[in-house]
C-alpha atoms as a PDB file:
ATOM      1  CA  MET A   1      -9.848  -1.358   9.196  1.00  0.00           C
ATOM      2  CA  SER A   2      -9.734  -1.289   5.545  1.00  0.00           C
ATOM      3  CA  ARG A   3      -6.640  -2.963   3.606  1.00  0.00           C
ATOM      4  CA  VAL A   4      -5.684  -0.094   1.528  1.00  0.00           C
ATOM      5  CA  CYS A   5      -2.429   1.073   1.125  1.00  0.00           C
ATOM      6  CA  ASP A   6      -1.913   4.918   1.745  1.00  0.00           C
ATOM      7  CA  LEU A   7       0.724   5.560  -0.911  1.00  0.00           C
ATOM      8  CA  THR A   8      -0.205   4.248  -3.538  1.00  0.00           C
ATOM      9  CA  GLY A   9      -4.193   3.534  -3.235  1.00  0.00           C
ATOM     10  CA  LYS A  10      -3.545  -0.541  -3.527  1.00  0.00           C
ATOM     11  CA  THR A  11      -6.997  -2.691  -2.411  1.00  0.00           C
ATOM     12  CA  SER A  12      -8.403  -6.105  -2.729  1.00  0.00           C
ATOM     13  CA  ILE A  13      -8.882  -7.412  -6.259  1.00  0.00           C
ATOM     14  CA  GLY A  14     -11.187 -10.783  -6.892  1.00  0.00           C
ATOM     15  CA  GLY A  15     -10.722 -13.891  -8.559  1.00  0.00           C
ATOM     16  CA  ASN A  16     -11.291 -17.266  -8.534  1.00  0.00           C
ATOM     17  CA  LYS A  17      -9.782 -20.192  -6.440  1.00  0.00           C
ATOM     18  CA  VAL A  18      -9.151 -23.118  -8.487  1.00  0.00           C
ATOM     19  CA  SER A  19      -9.662 -26.748  -7.544  1.00  0.00           C
ATOM     20  CA  PHE A  20      -7.171 -29.985  -8.834  1.00  0.00           C
ATOM     21  CA  SER A  21     -10.496 -30.696  -9.885  1.00  0.00           C
ATOM     22  CA  ASN A  22     -11.467 -27.338 -12.224  1.00  0.00           C
ATOM     23  CA  LYS A  23     -13.883 -25.803 -10.085  1.00  0.00           C
ATOM     24  CA  LYS A  24     -13.788 -22.158  -9.835  1.00  0.00           C
ATOM     25  CA  THR A  25     -14.895 -20.701  -6.715  1.00  0.00           C
ATOM     26  CA  LYS A  26     -14.593 -16.909  -5.463  1.00  0.00           C
ATOM     27  CA  ARG A  27     -12.196 -15.584  -3.369  1.00  0.00           C
ATOM     28  CA  LYS A  28     -10.230 -12.377  -2.570  1.00  0.00           C
ATOM     29  CA  PHE A  29      -6.953 -11.222  -3.212  1.00  0.00           C
ATOM     30  CA  ASN A  30      -5.550  -9.019  -0.242  1.00  0.00           C
ATOM     31  CA  PRO A  31      -2.354  -6.136  -1.105  1.00  0.00           C
ATOM     32  CA  ASN A  32       0.623  -7.336   0.988  1.00  0.00           C
ATOM     33  CA  LEU A  33       0.030  -4.531   4.284  1.00  0.00           C
ATOM     34  CA  LYS A  34       2.518  -3.526   6.720  1.00  0.00           C
ATOM     35  CA  VAL A  35       2.353  -0.828   9.629  1.00  0.00           C
ATOM     36  CA  LYS A  36       5.366   1.229   9.517  1.00  0.00           C
ATOM     37  CA  LYS A  37       6.755   4.242  11.024  1.00  0.00           C
ATOM     38  CA  PHE A  38       9.389   6.820   8.899  1.00  0.00           C
ATOM     39  CA  PHE A  39      10.428   9.679  10.258  1.00  0.00           C
ATOM     40  CA  ILE A  40      10.108  13.228   7.772  1.00  0.00           C
ATOM     41  CA  ALA A  41      13.093  15.403   8.010  1.00  0.00           C
ATOM     42  CA  ASP A  42      12.012  18.584   6.770  1.00  0.00           C
ATOM     43  CA  GLU A  43       8.856  18.446   9.235  1.00  0.00           C
ATOM     44  CA  ASP A  44      10.775  16.683  12.028  1.00  0.00           C
ATOM     45  CA  ARG A  45       8.464  13.992  13.095  1.00  0.00           C
ATOM     46  CA  TRP A  46       7.074  10.635  12.707  1.00  0.00           C
ATOM     47  CA  ILE A  47       4.808   9.318  10.642  1.00  0.00           C
ATOM     48  CA  THR A  48       2.663   6.416  11.190  1.00  0.00           C
ATOM     49  CA  LEU A  49       1.615   4.569   7.547  1.00  0.00           C
ATOM     50  CA  LYS A  50      -0.437   1.538   6.107  1.00  0.00           C
ATOM     51  CA  VAL A  51       1.656   0.464   2.887  1.00  0.00           C
ATOM     52  CA  SER A  52       2.401  -2.017   0.369  1.00  0.00           C
ATOM     53  CA  THR A  53       5.424  -3.650   0.372  1.00  0.00           C
ATOM     54  CA  SER A  54       6.212  -2.445  -3.356  1.00  0.00           C
ATOM     55  CA  ALA A  55       5.178   0.900  -1.423  1.00  0.00           C
ATOM     56  CA  LEU A  56       7.881   0.592   0.633  1.00  0.00           C
ATOM     57  CA  ARG A  57      10.375  -0.482  -2.011  1.00  0.00           C
ATOM     58  CA  THR A  58       9.889   2.980  -3.989  1.00  0.00           C
ATOM     59  CA  ILE A  59      10.265   4.945  -0.320  1.00  0.00           C
ATOM     60  CA  ASN A  60      13.728   3.155  -0.360  1.00  0.00           C
ATOM     61  CA  LYS A  61      14.393   4.067  -3.814  1.00  0.00           C
ATOM     62  CA  LYS A  62      12.622   7.738  -4.290  1.00  0.00           C
ATOM     63  CA  GLY A  63      12.891   8.407  -0.055  1.00  0.00           C
ATOM     64  CA  ILE A  64       9.723   9.238   2.020  1.00  0.00           C
ATOM     65  CA  SER A  65       9.293  13.356   1.129  1.00  0.00           C
ATOM     66  CA  ALA A  66       9.174  12.618  -2.749  1.00  0.00           C
ATOM     67  CA  CYS A  67       6.402   9.996  -2.071  1.00  0.00           C
ATOM     68  CA  LEU A  68       4.563  11.468  -0.010  1.00  0.00           C
ATOM     69  CA  LYS A  69       4.284  14.388  -2.883  1.00  0.00           C
ATOM     70  CA  GLU A  70       2.741  12.100  -5.453  1.00  0.00           C
ATOM     71  CA  ALA A  71       0.557  10.829  -3.102  1.00  0.00           C
ATOM     72  CA  LYS A  72      -1.144  14.000  -2.567  1.00  0.00           C
ATOM     73  CA  VAL A  73      -0.934  15.053  -6.251  1.00  0.00           C
ATOM     74  CA  ASN A  74      -2.932  11.677  -6.669  1.00  0.00           C
ATOM     75  CA  GLY A  75      -5.568  12.708  -4.298  1.00  0.00           C
ATOM     76  CA  LEU A  76      -4.387   9.612  -1.921  1.00  0.00           C
ATOM     77  CA  MET A  77      -3.336  11.748   1.395  1.00  0.00           C
ATOM     78  CA  LYS A  78      -4.727  15.043   2.228  1.00  0.00           C
END
């Protein structure tokens, strides 16, 4: 299971874990992903997407149809 947002393309990034003594060790920052089902009224069907929580806020603002069209233009979806 890849940790990539279906709509925005967000993925894991690397960074440092910093201890109290200021030692740095490598760590990974994963995106906050949720698996959600959305109803597309235009096509009268349900789809399941793995989206980040920031993408959920965008879907609430613009609507799922507009977000899917934008993702297709950016090459993130087929």
